Amino acid sequence: MTNLTDTFAALSDPTRLAVVERLMAEGELPAGRLVKQSDISAPAMSRHLKVLRQAGLVEQRTQGTSRLYSVRPEALKSISDWTLDHRAFWQASMDRLATHLALQDED
C-alpha cells in the first residue's frame, strides 16, 4: 500500500503530475523520451522520477542502457479509493443538509 501523504506530496509538483499523466496516457516510456519532450534538463527529470519512485507512483526497469518508467496501477488505485471514500462522506453530509433544510422549510 502506498503512503498517501508521500503520494500527494509527489503529485503536488506540476512537472511530476505531468509525467504521471503522460505515462498513464502513453504507457511505459524511456527516461530519455520524457526529457526530450519536456522543457527540463536530464538531471532535473532524474530527480523528479526519483521522487515519483520513492512515493511508489512509478516503477523503473532497465532494458539494455535504457531506463523505462511506468505508472504503478496500485498507487493510482489507492488515490481512487481515498477519493471515493471522501466523496461518500461529502455526499452523505450534503444529503443530511438537504434533509435539514427541507425540514426547516416545512416549519
Foldseek 3Di string as FASTA:
>chain_A
DFDVVLVVVLCVDPLLVVVQVVCVVPPKDWLVVSQVPDDDDSVVSVVSVVSCVVRVQWDWDDDPPTIIIHGDVVVVVVVVVVVVVVVVVVVVVVVVVVVVVVVVVVD
